[in-house]
């Protein structure tokens, strides 16, 4: 039995910089990495606290082969490419990745 790893990335970027981000994730993800499934989950707009005015984005990468490192690496590469594609300020981007077996 093969274990599948799901790598979920939480990306925080400044407001107004995510136009077209979902399309970019879907464009870069699946074609770049065979055996991985990508999903652009949601954008959560922060309205209170220290994160006010920022967007949190959830992206899932599922490795069918069970390769946890592949899922993490592919997710991070795809996030960075998509952020660059939409002109987001990478200096203000925070990426946290967690894995769910």
PDB file of N, CA and C in Angstrom:
ATOM      1  N   UNK A   1       0.841  -1.185   0.000  1.00  0.00           N
ATOM      2  CA  UNK A   1       0.000   0.000   0.000  1.00  0.00           C
ATOM      3  C   UNK A   1       0.884   1.245   0.000  1.00  0.00           C
ATOM      4  N   UNK A   2       0.596   2.167  -0.885  1.00  0.00           N
ATOM      5  CA  UNK A   2       1.358   3.406  -0.985  1.00  0.00           C
ATOM      6  C   UNK A   2       0.699   4.491  -0.153  1.00  0.00           C
ATOM      7  N   UNK A   3       1.520   5.180   0.628  1.00  0.00           N
ATOM      8  CA  UNK A   3       1.017   6.302   1.414  1.00  0.00           C
ATOM      9  C   UNK A   3       1.034   7.546   0.556  1.00  0.00           C
ATOM     10  N   UNK A   4      -0.050   8.256   0.563  1.00  0.00           N
ATOM     11  CA  UNK A   4      -0.121   9.521  -0.163  1.00  0.00           C
ATOM     12  C   UNK A   4       0.124  10.648   0.826  1.00  0.00           C
ATOM     13  N   UNK A   5       0.927  11.630   0.420  1.00  0.00           N
ATOM     14  CA  UNK A   5       1.186  12.776   1.280  1.00  0.00           C
ATOM     15  C   UNK A   5       0.504  14.000   0.716  1.00  0.00           C
ATOM     16  N   UNK A   6      -0.154  14.696   1.587  1.00  0.00           N
ATOM     17  CA  UNK A   6      -0.814  15.935   1.211  1.00  0.00           C
ATOM     18  C   UNK A   6      -0.028  17.083   1.848  1.00  0.00           C
ATOM     19  N   UNK A   7       0.507  17.957   1.033  1.00  0.00           N
ATOM     20  CA  UNK A   7       1.262  19.099   1.523  1.00  0.00           C
ATOM     21  C   UNK A   7       0.399  20.339   1.359  1.00  0.00           C
ATOM     22  N   UNK A   8       0.066  20.990   2.448  1.00  0.00           N
ATOM     23  CA  UNK A   8      -0.768  22.184   2.399  1.00  0.00           C
ATOM     24  C   UNK A   8       0.082  23.399   2.711  1.00  0.00           C
ATOM     25  N   UNK A   9       0.099  24.359   1.797  1.00  0.00           N
ATOM     26  CA  UNK A   9       0.874  25.582   1.995  1.00  0.00           C
ATOM     27  C   UNK A   9      -0.053  26.719   2.367  1.00  0.00           C
ATOM     28  N   UNK A  10       0.325  27.447   3.388  1.00  0.00           N
ATOM     29  CA  UNK A  10      -0.398  28.636   3.801  1.00  0.00           C
ATOM     30  C   UNK A  10       0.478  29.826   3.429  1.00  0.00           C
ATOM     31  N   UNK A  11       0.018  30.661   2.542  1.00  0.00           N
ATOM     32  CA  UNK A  11       0.803  31.795   2.061  1.00  0.00           C
ATOM     33  C   UNK A  11       0.137  33.080   2.509  1.00  0.00           C
ATOM     34  N   UNK A  12       0.907  33.965   3.104  1.00  0.00           N
ATOM     35  CA  UNK A  12       0.388  35.266   3.504  1.00  0.00           C
ATOM     36  C   UNK A  12       1.062  36.336   2.651  1.00  0.00           C
ATOM     37  N   UNK A  13       0.280  37.129   1.963  1.00  0.00           N
ATOM     38  CA  UNK A  13       0.815  38.219   1.148  1.00  0.00           C
ATOM     39  C   UNK A  13      -0.011  39.470   1.375  1.00  0.00           C
ATOM     40  N   UNK A  14       0.551  40.617   0.998  1.00  0.00           N
ATOM     41  CA  UNK A  14      -0.157  41.871   1.215  1.00  0.00           C
ATOM     42  C   UNK A  14      -1.393  41.964   0.321  1.00  0.00           C
ATOM     43  N   UNK A  15      -2.333  42.764   0.743  1.00  0.00           N
ATOM     44  CA  UNK A  15      -3.620  42.885   0.055  1.00  0.00           C
ATOM     45  C   UNK A  15      -3.446  43.410  -1.366  1.00  0.00           C
ATOM     46  N   UNK A  16      -4.340  42.995  -2.228  1.00  0.00           N
ATOM     47  CA  UNK A  16      -4.395  43.514  -3.582  1.00  0.00           C
ATOM     48  C   UNK A  16      -3.383  42.928  -4.537  1.00  0.00           C
ATOM     49  N   UNK A  17      -2.609  41.927  -4.092  1.00  0.00           N
ATOM     50  CA  UNK A  17      -1.562  41.411  -4.958  1.00  0.00           C
ATOM     51  C   UNK A  17      -1.853  40.019  -5.509  1.00  0.00           C
ATOM     52  N   UNK A  18      -3.099  39.563  -5.383  1.00  0.00           N
ATOM     53  CA  UNK A  18      -3.397  38.195  -5.765  1.00  0.00           C
ATOM     54  C   UNK A  18      -4.310  38.027  -6.974  1.00  0.00           C
ATOM     55  N   UNK A  19      -4.534  39.078  -7.724  1.00  0.00           N
ATOM     56  CA  UNK A  19      -5.376  38.947  -8.911  1.00  0.00           C
ATOM     57  C   UNK A  19      -4.749  37.939  -9.873  1.00  0.00           C
ATOM     58  N   UNK A  20      -5.488  36.914 -10.214  1.00  0.00           N
ATOM     59  CA  UNK A  20      -5.003  35.886 -11.133  1.00  0.00           C
ATOM     60  C   UNK A  20      -4.199  34.784 -10.473  1.00  0.00           C
ATOM     61  N   UNK A  21      -4.085  34.809  -9.146  1.00  0.00           N
ATOM     62  CA  UNK A  21      -3.247  33.828  -8.449  1.00  0.00           C
ATOM     63  C   UNK A  21      -3.778  32.410  -8.618  1.00  0.00           C
ATOM     64  N   UNK A  22      -5.077  32.224  -8.484  1.00  0.00           N
ATOM     65  CA  UNK A  22      -5.658  30.888  -8.628  1.00  0.00           C
ATOM     66  C   UNK A  22      -5.396  30.292  -9.999  1.00  0.00           C
ATOM     67  N   UNK A  23      -5.536  31.105 -11.047  1.00  0.00           N
ATOM     68  CA  UNK A  23      -5.258  30.620 -12.398  1.00  0.00           C
ATOM     69  C   UNK A  23      -3.787  30.269 -12.555  1.00  0.00           C
ATOM     70  N   UNK A  24      -2.910  31.078 -11.932  1.00  0.00           N
ATOM     71  CA  UNK A  24      -1.481  30.807 -12.022  1.00  0.00           C
ATOM     72  C   UNK A  24      -1.121  29.496 -11.330  1.00  0.00           C
ATOM     73  N   UNK A  25      -1.709  29.241 -10.159  1.00  0.00           N
ATOM     74  CA  UNK A  25      -1.475  27.970  -9.457  1.00  0.00           C
ATOM     75  C   UNK A  25      -1.907  26.800 -10.334  1.00  0.00           C
ATOM     76  N   UNK A  26      -3.082  26.905 -10.920  1.00  0.00           N
ATOM     77  CA  UNK A  26      -3.595  25.821 -11.754  1.00  0.00           C
ATOM     78  C   UNK A  26      -2.787  25.673 -13.043  1.00  0.00           C
ATOM     79  N   UNK A  27      -2.199  26.762 -13.517  1.00  0.00           N
ATOM     80  CA  UNK A  27      -1.401  26.723 -14.739  1.00  0.00           C
ATOM     81  C   UNK A  27      -0.042  26.082 -14.505  1.00  0.00           C
ATOM     82  N   UNK A  28       0.633  26.474 -13.430  1.00  0.00           N
ATOM     83  CA  UNK A  28       1.989  25.999 -13.200  1.00  0.00           C
ATOM     84  C   UNK A  28       2.049  24.645 -12.504  1.00  0.00           C
ATOM     85  N   UNK A  29       1.126  24.359 -11.620  1.00  0.00           N
ATOM     86  CA  UNK A  29       1.212  23.156 -10.801  1.00  0.00           C
ATOM     87  C   UNK A  29       1.183  21.836 -11.543  1.00  0.00           C
ATOM     88  N   UNK A  30       0.065  21.473 -12.135  1.00  0.00           N
ATOM     89  CA  UNK A  30      -0.076  20.126 -12.682  1.00  0.00           C
ATOM     90  C   UNK A  30       0.886  19.807 -13.820  1.00  0.00           C
ATOM     91  N   UNK A  31       1.228  20.778 -14.648  1.00  0.00           N
ATOM     92  CA  UNK A  31       2.098  20.511 -15.786  1.00  0.00           C
ATOM     93  C   UNK A  31       3.546  20.305 -15.375  1.00  0.00           C
ATOM     94  N   UNK A  32       3.945  20.913 -14.292  1.00  0.00           N
ATOM     95  CA  UNK A  32       5.342  20.869 -13.874  1.00  0.00           C
ATOM     96  C   UNK A  32       5.718  19.578 -13.163  1.00  0.00           C
ATOM     97  N   UNK A  33       4.773  18.944 -12.511  1.00  0.00           N
ATOM     98  CA  UNK A  33       5.117  17.842 -11.621  1.00  0.00           C
ATOM     99  C   UNK A  33       4.209  16.639 -11.862  1.00  0.00           C
ATOM    100  N   UNK A  34       4.748  15.628 -12.521  1.00  0.00           N
ATOM    101  CA  UNK A  34       3.980  14.412 -12.763  1.00  0.00           C
ATOM    102  C   UNK A  34       3.749  13.686 -11.437  1.00  0.00           C
ATOM    103  N   UNK A  35       2.593  13.133 -11.276  1.00  0.00           N
ATOM    104  CA  UNK A  35       2.268  12.374 -10.078  1.00  0.00           C
ATOM    105  C   UNK A  35       1.777  13.228  -8.924  1.00  0.00           C
ATOM    106  N   UNK A  36       1.608  14.528  -9.168  1.00  0.00           N
ATOM    107  CA  UNK A  36       1.106  15.417  -8.137  1.00  0.00           C
ATOM    108  C   UNK A  36      -0.205  16.031  -8.577  1.00  0.00           C
ATOM    109  N   UNK A  37      -1.079  16.223  -7.640  1.00  0.00           N
ATOM    110  CA  UNK A  37      -2.334  16.907  -7.893  1.00  0.00           C
ATOM    111  C   UNK A  37      -2.317  18.201  -7.096  1.00  0.00           C
ATOM    112  N   UNK A  38      -2.621  19.312  -7.757  1.00  0.00           N
ATOM    113  CA  UNK A  38      -2.629  20.594  -7.083  1.00  0.00           C
ATOM    114  C   UNK A  38      -4.039  21.132  -6.979  1.00  0.00           C
ATOM    115  N   UNK A  39      -4.297  21.853  -5.934  1.00  0.00           N
ATOM    116  CA  UNK A  39      -5.579  22.516  -5.780  1.00  0.00           C
ATOM    117  C   UNK A  39      -5.408  23.860  -5.122  1.00  0.00           C
ATOM    118  N   UNK A  40      -6.027  24.858  -5.690  1.00  0.00           N
ATOM    119  CA  UNK A  40      -6.030  26.202  -5.119  1.00  0.00           C
ATOM    120  C   UNK A  40      -7.278  26.254  -4.256  1.00  0.00           C
ATOM    121  N   UNK A  41      -7.095  26.263  -2.944  1.00  0.00           N
ATOM    122  CA  UNK A  41      -8.215  26.056  -2.048  1.00  0.00           C
ATOM    123  C   UNK A  41      -9.020  27.317  -1.789  1.00  0.00           C
ATOM    124  N   UNK A  42      -8.381  28.339  -1.239  1.00  0.00           N
ATOM    125  CA  UNK A  42      -9.150  29.532  -0.913  1.00  0.00           C
ATOM    126  C   UNK A  42      -8.237  30.703  -0.560  1.00  0.00           C
ATOM    127  N   UNK A  43      -8.817  31.871  -0.580  1.00  0.00           N
ATOM    128  CA  UNK A  43      -8.154  33.074  -0.091  1.00  0.00           C
ATOM    129  C   UNK A  43      -8.952  33.575   1.098  1.00  0.00           C
ATOM    130  N   UNK A  44      -8.275  33.776   2.202  1.00  0.00           N
ATOM    131  CA  UNK A  44      -8.925  34.287   3.407  1.00  0.00           C
ATOM    132  C   UNK A  44      -8.409  35.694   3.647  1.00  0.00           C
ATOM    133  N   UNK A  45      -9.274  36.665   3.571  1.00  0.00           N
ATOM    134  CA  UNK A  45      -8.887  38.050   3.797  1.00  0.00           C
ATOM    135  C   UNK A  45      -8.894  38.345   5.294  1.00  0.00           C
ATOM    136  N   UNK A  46      -7.736  38.761   5.812  1.00  0.00           N
ATOM    137  CA  UNK A  46      -7.614  39.061   7.233  1.00  0.00           C
ATOM    138  C   UNK A  46      -8.176  40.457   7.510  1.00  0.00           C
ATOM    139  N   UNK A  47      -9.075  40.562   8.460  1.00  0.00           N
ATOM    140  CA  UNK A  47      -9.718  41.848   8.733  1.00  0.00           C
ATOM    141  C   UNK A  47      -9.397  42.393  10.121  1.00  0.00           C
ATOM    142  N   UNK A  48      -8.729  41.588  10.945  1.00  0.00           N
ATOM    143  CA  UNK A  48      -8.418  42.041  12.300  1.00  0.00           C
ATOM    144  C   UNK A  48      -7.000  41.622  12.678  1.00  0.00           C
ATOM    145  N   UNK A  49      -6.494  42.211  13.741  1.00  0.00           N
ATOM    146  CA  UNK A  49      -5.218  41.807  14.322  1.00  0.00           C
ATOM    147  C   UNK A  49      -4.011  42.230  13.511  1.00  0.00           C
ATOM    148  N   UNK A  50      -2.891  41.603  13.812  1.00  0.00           N
ATOM    149  CA  UNK A  50      -1.619  41.951  13.181  1.00  0.00           C
ATOM    150  C   UNK A  50      -1.596  41.641  11.696  1.00  0.00           C
ATOM    151  N   UNK A  51      -2.420  40.699  11.256  1.00  0.00           N
ATOM    152  CA  UNK A  51      -2.464  40.305   9.842  1.00  0.00           C
ATOM    153  C   UNK A  51      -3.483  41.113   9.033  1.00  0.00           C
ATOM    154  N   UNK A  52      -4.047  42.138   9.616  1.00  0.00           N
ATOM    155  CA  UNK A  52      -5.081  42.930   8.947  1.00  0.00           C
ATOM    156  C   UNK A  52      -4.579  43.460   7.591  1.00  0.00           C
ATOM    157  N   UNK A  53      -5.428  43.339   6.593  1.00  0.00           N
ATOM    158  CA  UNK A  53      -5.095  43.819   5.261  1.00  0.00           C
ATOM    159  C   UNK A  53      -4.273  42.849   4.431  1.00  0.00           C
ATOM    160  N   UNK A  54      -4.065  41.646   4.932  1.00  0.00           N
ATOM    161  CA  UNK A  54      -3.315  40.646   4.191  1.00  0.00           C
ATOM    162  C   UNK A  54      -4.234  39.507   3.783  1.00  0.00           C
ATOM    163  N   UNK A  55      -3.780  38.742   2.819  1.00  0.00           N
ATOM    164  CA  UNK A  55      -4.529  37.583   2.334  1.00  0.00           C
ATOM    165  C   UNK A  55      -3.788  36.317   2.716  1.00  0.00           C
ATOM    166  N   UNK A  56      -4.515  35.332   3.178  1.00  0.00           N
ATOM    167  CA  UNK A  56      -3.935  34.012   3.407  1.00  0.00           C
ATOM    168  C   UNK A  56      -4.479  33.083   2.342  1.00  0.00           C
ATOM    169  N   UNK A  57      -3.581  32.385   1.685  1.00  0.00           N
ATOM    170  CA  UNK A  57      -3.953  31.502   0.591  1.00  0.00           C
ATOM    171  C   UNK A  57      -3.607  30.077   0.973  1.00  0.00           C
ATOM    172  N   UNK A  58      -4.513  29.149   0.719  1.00  0.00           N
ATOM    173  CA  UNK A  58      -4.267  27.743   1.004  1.00  0.00           C
ATOM    174  C   UNK A  58      -4.119  26.990  -0.307  1.00  0.00           C
ATOM    175  N   UNK A  59      -3.017  26.273  -0.440  1.00  0.00           N
ATOM    176  CA  UNK A  59      -2.766  25.476  -1.640  1.00  0.00           C
ATOM    177  C   UNK A  59      -2.453  24.052  -1.215  1.00  0.00           C
ATOM    178  N   UNK A  60      -3.068  23.086  -1.847  1.00  0.00           N
ATOM    179  CA  UNK A  60      -2.808  21.682  -1.557  1.00  0.00           C
ATOM    180  C   UNK A  60      -2.019  21.036  -2.688  1.00  0.00           C
ATOM    181  N   UNK A  61      -1.020  20.215  -2.313  1.00  0.00           N
ATOM    182  CA  UNK A  61      -0.312  19.388  -3.284  1.00  0.00           C
ATOM    183  C   UNK A  61      -0.355  17.964  -2.755  1.00  0.00           C
ATOM    184  N   UNK A  62      -0.902  17.072  -3.523  1.00  0.00           N
ATOM    185  CA  UNK A  62      -1.036  15.681  -3.110  1.00  0.00           C
ATOM    186  C   UNK A  62      -0.088  14.822  -3.934  1.00  0.00           C
ATOM    187  N   UNK A  63       0.845  14.157  -3.272  1.00  0.00           N
ATOM    188  CA  UNK A  63       1.786  13.274  -3.946  1.00  0.00           C
ATOM    189  C   UNK A  63       1.212  11.865  -3.979  1.00  0.00           C
ATOM    190  N   UNK A  64       0.901  11.394  -5.168  1.00  0.00           N
ATOM    191  CA  UNK A  64       0.343  10.049  -5.319  1.00  0.00           C
ATOM    192  C   UNK A  64       1.387   8.977  -5.016  1.00  0.00           C
ATOM    193  N   UNK A  65       2.667   9.303  -5.204  1.00  0.00           N
ATOM    194  CA  UNK A  65       3.723   8.316  -4.996  1.00  0.00           C
ATOM    195  C   UNK A  65       4.123   8.181  -3.537  1.00  0.00           C
ATOM    196  N   UNK A  66       3.629   9.077  -2.685  1.00  0.00           N
ATOM    197  CA  UNK A  66       3.980   9.022  -1.275  1.00  0.00           C
ATOM    198  C   UNK A  66       5.272   9.733  -0.952  1.00  0.00           C
ATOM    199  N   UNK A  67       5.810  10.491  -1.900  1.00  0.00           N
ATOM    200  CA  UNK A  67       7.068  11.198  -1.693  1.00  0.00           C
ATOM    201  C   UNK A  67       6.795  12.540  -1.026  1.00  0.00           C
ATOM    202  N   UNK A  68       7.009  12.593   0.291  1.00  0.00           N
ATOM    203  CA  UNK A  68       6.699  13.793   1.059  1.00  0.00           C
ATOM    204  C   UNK A  68       7.556  14.980   0.618  1.00  0.00           C
ATOM    205  N   UNK A  69       8.858  14.750   0.389  1.00  0.00           N
ATOM    206  CA  UNK A  69       9.746  15.838  -0.040  1.00  0.00           C
ATOM    207  C   UNK A  69       9.321  16.402  -1.392  1.00  0.00           C
ATOM    208  N   UNK A  70       8.896  15.516  -2.288  1.00  0.00           N
ATOM    209  CA  UNK A  70       8.437  15.961  -3.608  1.00  0.00           C
ATOM    210  C   UNK A  70       7.216  16.859  -3.478  1.00  0.00           C
ATOM    211  N   UNK A  71       6.299  16.491  -2.596  1.00  0.00           N
ATOM    212  CA  UNK A  71       5.088  17.290  -2.426  1.00  0.00           C
ATOM    213  C   UNK A  71       5.423  18.665  -1.860  1.00  0.00           C
ATOM    214  N   UNK A  72       6.290  18.713  -0.846  1.00  0.00           N
ATOM    215  CA  UNK A  72       6.686  19.998  -0.261  1.00  0.00           C
ATOM    216  C   UNK A  72       7.391  20.882  -1.293  1.00  0.00           C
ATOM    217  N   UNK A  73       8.377  20.311  -1.964  1.00  0.00           N
ATOM    218  CA  UNK A  73       9.170  21.084  -2.923  1.00  0.00           C
ATOM    219  C   UNK A  73       8.311  21.595  -4.065  1.00  0.00           C
ATOM    220  N   UNK A  74       7.478  20.731  -4.611  1.00  0.00           N
ATOM    221  CA  UNK A  74       6.623  21.128  -5.725  1.00  0.00           C
ATOM    222  C   UNK A  74       5.645  22.213  -5.309  1.00  0.00           C
ATOM    223  N   UNK A  75       5.097  22.098  -4.114  1.00  0.00           N
ATOM    224  CA  UNK A  75       4.158  23.110  -3.633  1.00  0.00           C
ATOM    225  C   UNK A  75       4.850  24.460  -3.498  1.00  0.00           C
ATOM    226  N   UNK A  76       6.027  24.488  -2.890  1.00  0.00           N
ATOM    227  CA  UNK A  76       6.742  25.750  -2.703  1.00  0.00           C
ATOM    228  C   UNK A  76       7.170  26.364  -4.028  1.00  0.00           C
ATOM    229  N   UNK A  77       7.690  25.548  -4.944  1.00  0.00           N
ATOM    230  CA  UNK A  77       8.084  26.060  -6.259  1.00  0.00           C
ATOM    231  C   UNK A  77       6.894  26.660  -6.990  1.00  0.00           C
ATOM    232  N   UNK A  78       5.773  25.983  -6.927  1.00  0.00           N
ATOM    233  CA  UNK A  78       4.578  26.447  -7.622  1.00  0.00           C
ATOM    234  C   UNK A  78       4.056  27.739  -7.013  1.00  0.00           C
ATOM    235  N   UNK A  79       4.070  27.822  -5.687  1.00  0.00           N
ATOM    236  CA  UNK A  79       3.622  29.043  -5.017  1.00  0.00           C
ATOM    237  C   UNK A  79       4.483  30.225  -5.431  1.00  0.00           C
ATOM    238  N   UNK A  80       5.798  30.051  -5.424  1.00  0.00           N
ATOM    239  CA  UNK A  80       6.700  31.149  -5.781  1.00  0.00           C
ATOM    240  C   UNK A  80       6.498  31.571  -7.234  1.00  0.00           C
ATOM    241  N   UNK A  81       6.368  30.600  -8.138  1.00  0.00           N
ATOM    242  CA  UNK A  81       6.142  30.938  -9.552  1.00  0.00           C
ATOM    243  C   UNK A  81       4.828  31.688  -9.747  1.00  0.00           C
ATOM    244  N   UNK A  82       3.798  31.244  -9.053  1.00  0.00           N
ATOM    245  CA  UNK A  82       2.492  31.902  -9.179  1.00  0.00           C
ATOM    246  C   UNK A  82       2.540  33.313  -8.601  1.00  0.00           C
ATOM    247  N   UNK A  83       3.209  33.499  -7.464  1.00  0.00           N
ATOM    248  CA  UNK A  83       3.329  34.828  -6.881  1.00  0.00           C
ATOM    249  C   UNK A  83       4.088  35.768  -7.817  1.00  0.00           C
ATOM    250  N   UNK A  84       5.161  35.282  -8.405  1.00  0.00           N
ATOM    251  CA  UNK A  84       5.907  36.104  -9.373  1.00  0.00           C
ATOM    252  C   UNK A  84       5.034  36.451 -10.579  1.00  0.00           C
ATOM    253  N   UNK A  85       4.277  35.469 -11.035  1.00  0.00           N
ATOM    254  CA  UNK A  85       3.439  35.660 -12.223  1.00  0.00           C
ATOM    255  C   UNK A  85       2.427  36.786 -12.033  1.00  0.00           C
ATOM    256  N   UNK A  86       1.878  36.910 -10.835  1.00  0.00           N
ATOM    257  CA  UNK A  86       0.867  37.954 -10.591  1.00  0.00           C
ATOM    258  C   UNK A  86       1.490  39.241 -10.052  1.00  0.00           C
ATOM    259  N   UNK A  87       2.837  39.274  -9.953  1.00  0.00           N
ATOM    260  CA  UNK A  87       3.518  40.493  -9.535  1.00  0.00           C
ATOM    261  C   UNK A  87       3.469  40.766  -8.047  1.00  0.00           C
ATOM    262  N   UNK A  88       3.281  39.726  -7.242  1.00  0.00           N
ATOM    263  CA  UNK A  88       3.246  39.917  -5.792  1.00  0.00           C
ATOM    264  C   UNK A  88       4.637  40.249  -5.279  1.00  0.00           C
ATOM    265  N   UNK A  89       4.687  41.010  -4.219  1.00  0.00           N
ATOM    266  CA  UNK A  89       5.948  41.362  -3.590  1.00  0.00           C
ATOM    267  C   UNK A  89       6.421  40.183  -2.744  1.00  0.00           C
ATOM    268  N   UNK A  90       7.439  39.472  -3.224  1.00  0.00           N
ATOM    269  CA  UNK A  90       7.913  38.285  -2.522  1.00  0.00           C
ATOM    270  C   UNK A  90       8.551  38.625  -1.181  1.00  0.00           C
ATOM    271  N   UNK A  91       8.990  39.872  -1.010  1.00  0.00           N
ATOM    272  CA  UNK A  91       9.558  40.281   0.284  1.00  0.00           C
ATOM    273  C   UNK A  91       8.493  40.280   1.373  1.00  0.00           C
ATOM    274  N   UNK A  92       7.226  40.400   0.986  1.00  0.00           N
ATOM    275  CA  UNK A  92       6.134  40.449   1.958  1.00  0.00           C
ATOM    276  C   UNK A  92       5.367  39.130   2.039  1.00  0.00           C
ATOM    277  N   UNK A  93       5.874  38.113   1.361  1.00  0.00           N
ATOM    278  CA  UNK A  93       5.188  36.818   1.359  1.00  0.00           C
ATOM    279  C   UNK A  93       5.779  35.908   2.429  1.00  0.00           C
ATOM    280  N   UNK A  94       4.909  35.258   3.162  1.00  0.00           N
ATOM    281  CA  UNK A  94       5.319  34.266   4.159  1.00  0.00           C
ATOM    282  C   UNK A  94       4.679  32.945   3.751  1.00  0.00           C
ATOM    283  N   UNK A  95       5.504  31.901   3.638  1.00  0.00           N
ATOM    284  CA  UNK A  95       4.995  30.596   3.238  1.00  0.00           C
ATOM    285  C   UNK A  95       5.262  29.596   4.355  1.00  0.00           C
ATOM    286  N   UNK A  96       4.207  28.955   4.813  1.00  0.00           N
ATOM    287  CA  UNK A  96       4.332  27.877   5.795  1.00  0.00           C
ATOM    288  C   UNK A  96       3.757  26.628   5.146  1.00  0.00           C
ATOM    289  N   UNK A  97       4.473  25.523   5.248  1.00  0.00           N
ATOM    290  CA  UNK A  97       4.009  24.280   4.646  1.00  0.00           C
ATOM    291  C   UNK A  97       3.900  23.197   5.711  1.00  0.00           C
ATOM    292  N   UNK A  98       2.780  22.504   5.709  1.00  0.00           N
ATOM    293  CA  UNK A  98       2.581  21.380   6.610  1.00  0.00           C
ATOM    294  C   UNK A  98       2.227  20.151   5.783  1.00  0.00           C
ATOM    295  N   UNK A  99       2.479  18.984   6.322  1.00  0.00           N
ATOM    296  CA  UNK A  99       2.194  17.763   5.590  1.00  0.00           C
ATOM    297  C   UNK A  99       1.203  16.907   6.360  1.00  0.00           C
ATOM    298  N   UNK A 100       0.281  16.325   5.624  1.00  0.00           N
ATOM    299  CA  UNK A 100      -0.727  15.442   6.211  1.00  0.00           C
ATOM    300  C   UNK A 100      -0.627  14.110   5.489  1.00  0.00           C
ATOM    301  N   UNK A 101      -0.287  13.055   6.205  1.00  0.00           N
ATOM    302  CA  UNK A 101      -0.153  11.732   5.566  1.00  0.00           C
ATOM    303  C   UNK A 101      -1.522  11.114   5.381  1.00  0.00           C
TER     304      UNK A 101
END
